Amino acid sequence: MRIRIFLLPVLFIVLCAYGMPSNNDTMVYVCMGNGSKKYHYRKDCRGLSNCSTKIYEVTLTKAKDLGRTLCGWED
C-alpha cells in the first residue's frame, strides 16, 4: 500500500514533465522574404503560395520572435 501511495505522485510528476508537449516546440513554416509577416502550420498553406524565397521550418517560438503572426488562412 505504501508503495502505491509513493508511486502516484512520482507518476504524476513524470507525466506532467514529459507527457505534455509545449506549444513552443511546435514546428511552423515561414517565408523569409522582406514583406513576410505570417507563420503557417502547413507547408502547403495557401498563404505561402506567393513566397519568392525559401520556406523555412522553425519553432513557433522562433516565428514569434521574428514578429510573425498566424496566417489568416490557418485560423
Foldseek 3Di string as FASTA:
>chain_A
DVVVVVVVVVVVVVCVVPVDDDLQQQKWKWQPDPPTAAIGNDPPQPVCPPRPHDIDIDTPVVSVVVNHYHDPSHD
